[in-house]
Amino acid sequence: CGNCPKCLFIYVALYPFLEKKQLLKIFGKDLFENKKLLGTMKALIGEGKFKPFECVGTYKESRTAFNLSLKKAKRIEKIPYLLKKFNEVS
């Protein structure tokens, strides 16, 4: 769906290891540019009001995935919205 905690967690977990075009083929859009997922991102890393109940990683796993994604984005492209926000809260 591209709008739930499970999709965002899988996206952030895959991002460090796949090319962007592969992610776009899987998800149909860049989830890091979806401003509506800001609350979901915060929930995944333990900065939100709740822990998603769906099949997502732990806070530590999510933070690690976001850190790896941020490092990759800094090397290869303009930093997308959600990774900028992650950088501000981490």
N, C-alpha and C. Protein backbone atom coordinates (compact mmCIF):
# COMPACT_ATOMS: atom_id res chain seq x y z
N CYS A 1 0.82 -1.21 0.00
CA CYS A 1 0.00 0.00 0.00
C CYS A 1 0.86 1.27 0.00
N GLY A 2 2.05 1.20 0.59
CA GLY A 2 2.94 2.36 0.62
C GLY A 2 2.58 3.41 1.65
N ASN A 3 1.61 3.11 2.51
CA ASN A 3 1.16 4.10 3.50
C ASN A 3 1.16 3.59 4.94
N CYS A 4 1.64 2.38 5.16
CA CYS A 4 1.56 1.79 6.50
C CYS A 4 2.94 1.58 7.11
N PRO A 5 2.99 1.30 8.41
CA PRO A 5 4.28 1.05 9.07
C PRO A 5 5.07 -0.10 8.45
N LYS A 6 4.37 -1.15 8.07
CA LYS A 6 5.06 -2.31 7.48
C LYS A 6 5.75 -1.92 6.18
N CYS A 7 5.07 -1.19 5.32
CA CYS A 7 5.66 -0.76 4.05
C CYS A 7 6.87 0.15 4.29
N LEU A 8 6.73 1.10 5.21
CA LEU A 8 7.84 2.01 5.47
C LEU A 8 9.03 1.25 6.06
N PHE A 9 8.79 0.32 6.97
CA PHE A 9 9.90 -0.44 7.54
C PHE A 9 10.62 -1.25 6.47
N ILE A 10 9.88 -1.93 5.62
CA ILE A 10 10.51 -2.73 4.56
C ILE A 10 11.27 -1.81 3.61
N TYR A 11 10.70 -0.67 3.28
CA TYR A 11 11.36 0.29 2.39
C TYR A 11 12.69 0.75 2.99
N VAL A 12 12.68 1.15 4.25
CA VAL A 12 13.90 1.65 4.89
C VAL A 12 14.93 0.53 5.07
N ALA A 13 14.47 -0.69 5.27
CA ALA A 13 15.38 -1.82 5.41
C ALA A 13 16.04 -2.19 4.08
N LEU A 14 15.32 -2.02 2.99
CA LEU A 14 15.86 -2.35 1.67
C LEU A 14 16.69 -1.22 1.06
N TYR A 15 16.36 0.01 1.38
CA TYR A 15 16.97 1.18 0.76
C TYR A 15 18.51 1.14 0.73
N PRO A 16 19.18 0.78 1.81
CA PRO A 16 20.65 0.78 1.77
C PRO A 16 21.25 -0.24 0.79
N PHE A 17 20.47 -1.23 0.39
CA PHE A 17 21.00 -2.34 -0.39
C PHE A 17 20.51 -2.42 -1.83
N LEU A 18 19.50 -1.64 -2.18
CA LEU A 18 18.95 -1.67 -3.53
C LEU A 18 19.11 -0.31 -4.20
N GLU A 19 19.11 -0.34 -5.53
CA GLU A 19 19.10 0.91 -6.27
C GLU A 19 17.70 1.50 -6.19
N LYS A 20 17.64 2.83 -6.31
CA LYS A 20 16.36 3.52 -6.19
C LYS A 20 15.34 3.01 -7.22
N LYS A 21 15.80 2.74 -8.44
CA LYS A 21 14.86 2.27 -9.46
C LYS A 21 14.25 0.92 -9.08
N GLN A 22 15.01 0.08 -8.36
CA GLN A 22 14.45 -1.19 -7.89
C GLN A 22 13.37 -0.95 -6.83
N LEU A 23 13.63 -0.02 -5.93
CA LEU A 23 12.63 0.31 -4.90
C LEU A 23 11.37 0.88 -5.53
N LEU A 24 11.54 1.75 -6.51
CA LEU A 24 10.38 2.34 -7.18
C LEU A 24 9.57 1.27 -7.91
N LYS A 25 10.25 0.28 -8.45
CA LYS A 25 9.54 -0.81 -9.13
C LYS A 25 8.72 -1.62 -8.12
N ILE A 26 9.26 -1.82 -6.93
CA ILE A 26 8.56 -2.59 -5.90
C ILE A 26 7.41 -1.80 -5.29
N PHE A 27 7.69 -0.53 -4.92
CA PHE A 27 6.72 0.26 -4.15
C PHE A 27 5.91 1.25 -4.99
N GLY A 28 6.38 1.56 -6.19
CA GLY A 28 5.65 2.47 -7.06
C GLY A 28 5.86 3.94 -6.77
N LYS A 29 6.56 4.24 -5.67
CA LYS A 29 6.83 5.63 -5.30
C LYS A 29 7.94 5.67 -4.26
N ASP A 30 8.50 6.85 -4.05
CA ASP A 30 9.55 7.04 -3.05
C ASP A 30 8.87 7.34 -1.71
N LEU A 31 8.86 6.36 -0.83
CA LEU A 31 8.18 6.54 0.46
C LEU A 31 8.85 7.60 1.32
N PHE A 32 10.14 7.84 1.12
CA PHE A 32 10.84 8.86 1.89
C PHE A 32 10.38 10.28 1.55
N GLU A 33 9.66 10.45 0.46
CA GLU A 33 9.15 11.77 0.09
C GLU A 33 7.69 11.97 0.51
N ASN A 34 7.10 10.98 1.14
CA ASN A 34 5.70 11.06 1.57
C ASN A 34 5.62 11.71 2.96
N LYS A 35 5.23 12.96 3.00
CA LYS A 35 5.17 13.71 4.26
C LYS A 35 4.15 13.12 5.23
N LYS A 36 3.17 12.40 4.72
CA LYS A 36 2.15 11.79 5.58
C LYS A 36 2.73 10.65 6.43
N LEU A 37 3.92 10.17 6.08
CA LEU A 37 4.54 9.08 6.82
C LEU A 37 5.46 9.56 7.95
N LEU A 38 5.48 10.85 8.21
CA LEU A 38 6.35 11.38 9.28
C LEU A 38 6.00 10.77 10.64
N GLY A 39 4.73 10.72 10.99
CA GLY A 39 4.32 10.12 12.26
C GLY A 39 4.66 8.64 12.32
N THR A 40 4.54 7.96 11.21
CA THR A 40 4.89 6.54 11.14
C THR A 40 6.38 6.35 11.35
N MET A 41 7.18 7.20 10.72
CA MET A 41 8.63 7.13 10.90
C MET A 41 8.99 7.33 12.37
N LYS A 42 8.39 8.32 13.00
CA LYS A 42 8.67 8.58 14.42
C LYS A 42 8.26 7.39 15.28
N ALA A 43 7.13 6.78 14.96
CA ALA A 43 6.68 5.60 15.72
C ALA A 43 7.65 4.44 15.55
N LEU A 44 8.17 4.24 14.35
CA LEU A 44 9.10 3.14 14.11
C LEU A 44 10.40 3.29 14.89
N ILE A 45 10.85 4.53 15.10
CA ILE A 45 12.13 4.74 15.78
C ILE A 45 11.97 5.01 17.27
N GLY A 46 10.73 4.95 17.77
CA GLY A 46 10.49 5.12 19.20
C GLY A 46 10.26 6.55 19.64
N GLU A 47 10.02 7.44 18.70
CA GLU A 47 9.78 8.85 19.03
C GLU A 47 8.30 9.21 18.92
N GLY A 48 7.47 8.24 18.62
CA GLY A 48 6.04 8.49 18.47
C GLY A 48 5.27 8.15 19.72
N LYS A 49 3.96 8.22 19.60
CA LYS A 49 3.08 7.96 20.74
C LYS A 49 2.74 6.48 20.88
N PHE A 50 3.08 5.67 19.87
CA PHE A 50 2.73 4.26 19.90
C PHE A 50 3.77 3.46 19.14
N LYS A 51 3.82 2.16 19.39
CA LYS A 51 4.65 1.23 18.63
C LYS A 51 3.72 0.52 17.66
N PRO A 52 3.99 0.59 16.36
CA PRO A 52 3.12 -0.10 15.41
C PRO A 52 3.01 -1.59 15.74
N PHE A 53 1.81 -2.13 15.61
CA PHE A 53 1.56 -3.54 15.92
C PHE A 53 1.87 -4.46 14.76
N GLU A 54 2.00 -3.90 13.57
CA GLU A 54 2.23 -4.72 12.39
C GLU A 54 3.62 -5.33 12.41
N CYS A 55 3.92 -6.10 11.41
CA CYS A 55 5.21 -6.79 11.30
C CYS A 55 6.31 -5.80 10.96
N VAL A 56 6.86 -5.17 11.98
CA VAL A 56 7.94 -4.21 11.79
C VAL A 56 9.07 -4.56 12.75
N GLY A 57 10.23 -3.97 12.52
CA GLY A 57 11.37 -4.24 13.37
C GLY A 57 11.26 -3.54 14.72
N THR A 58 12.24 -3.83 15.55
CA THR A 58 12.33 -3.15 16.84
C THR A 58 12.75 -1.70 16.61
N TYR A 59 12.67 -0.90 17.67
CA TYR A 59 13.14 0.48 17.55
C TYR A 59 14.60 0.51 17.11
N LYS A 60 15.43 -0.35 17.69
CA LYS A 60 16.85 -0.39 17.35
C LYS A 60 17.06 -0.77 15.88
N GLU A 61 16.34 -1.78 15.41
CA GLU A 61 16.45 -2.18 14.01
C GLU A 61 16.00 -1.06 13.08
N SER A 62 14.93 -0.38 13.45
CA SER A 62 14.44 0.72 12.63
C SER A 62 15.44 1.87 12.60
N ARG A 63 15.98 2.23 13.75
CA ARG A 63 16.98 3.31 13.80
C ARG A 63 18.22 2.95 12.98
N THR A 64 18.64 1.70 13.06
CA THR A 64 19.80 1.26 12.28
C THR A 64 19.51 1.38 10.79
N ALA A 65 18.34 0.94 10.37
CA ALA A 65 17.96 1.02 8.96
C ALA A 65 17.88 2.47 8.50
N PHE A 66 17.31 3.35 9.32
CA PHE A 66 17.25 4.77 8.95
C PHE A 66 18.64 5.38 8.90
N ASN A 67 19.52 5.01 9.82
CA ASN A 67 20.90 5.52 9.78
C ASN A 67 21.63 5.07 8.52
N LEU A 68 21.51 3.80 8.16
CA LEU A 68 22.14 3.31 6.94
C LEU A 68 21.57 3.99 5.71
N SER A 69 20.27 4.21 5.70
CA SER A 69 19.62 4.88 4.58
C SER A 69 20.08 6.32 4.46
N LEU A 70 20.21 7.01 5.59
CA LEU A 70 20.68 8.39 5.58
C LEU A 70 22.10 8.47 5.05
N LYS A 71 22.96 7.57 5.47
CA LYS A 71 24.35 7.55 4.98
C LYS A 71 24.39 7.35 3.47
N LYS A 72 23.57 6.43 2.97
CA LYS A 72 23.53 6.18 1.53
C LYS A 72 23.02 7.41 0.79
N ALA A 73 21.94 8.01 1.28
CA ALA A 73 21.36 9.17 0.61
C ALA A 73 22.35 10.33 0.56
N LYS A 74 23.11 10.53 1.61
CA LYS A 74 24.11 11.61 1.64
C LYS A 74 25.17 11.40 0.56
N ARG A 75 25.45 10.14 0.23
CA ARG A 75 26.46 9.84 -0.79
C ARG A 75 25.94 9.97 -2.21
N ILE A 76 24.68 9.65 -2.42
CA ILE A 76 24.23 9.49 -3.81
C ILE A 76 23.18 10.47 -4.31
N GLU A 77 22.49 11.15 -3.42
CA GLU A 77 21.39 11.99 -3.90
C GLU A 77 21.04 13.08 -2.89
N LYS A 78 20.14 13.92 -3.29
CA LYS A 78 19.55 14.88 -2.36
C LYS A 78 18.84 14.09 -1.27
N ILE A 79 19.00 14.52 -0.03
CA ILE A 79 18.41 13.77 1.08
C ILE A 79 16.89 13.94 1.06
N PRO A 80 16.15 12.82 0.98
CA PRO A 80 14.69 12.89 0.94
C PRO A 80 14.09 13.38 2.27
N TYR A 81 12.86 13.82 2.20
CA TYR A 81 12.14 14.43 3.31
C TYR A 81 12.22 13.63 4.62
N LEU A 82 11.81 12.37 4.60
CA LEU A 82 11.78 11.60 5.86
C LEU A 82 13.17 11.38 6.44
N LEU A 83 14.17 11.26 5.59
CA LEU A 83 15.53 11.10 6.11
C LEU A 83 16.05 12.40 6.71
N LYS A 84 15.63 13.53 6.15
CA LYS A 84 15.97 14.82 6.77
C LYS A 84 15.35 14.91 8.16
N LYS A 85 14.10 14.52 8.26
CA LYS A 85 13.39 14.56 9.54
C LYS A 85 14.01 13.58 10.53
N PHE A 86 14.40 12.40 10.07
CA PHE A 86 15.07 11.44 10.94
C PHE A 86 16.37 12.05 11.47
N ASN A 87 17.11 12.69 10.61
CA ASN A 87 18.37 13.31 11.01
C ASN A 87 18.15 14.38 12.09
N GLU A 88 17.02 15.07 12.03
CA GLU A 88 16.71 16.11 13.02
C GLU A 88 16.38 15.52 14.39
N VAL A 89 15.77 14.35 14.44
CA VAL A 89 15.34 13.78 15.72
C VAL A 89 16.31 12.74 16.28
N SER A 90 17.26 12.33 15.48
CA SER A 90 18.18 11.28 15.97
C SER A 90 19.43 11.86 16.60
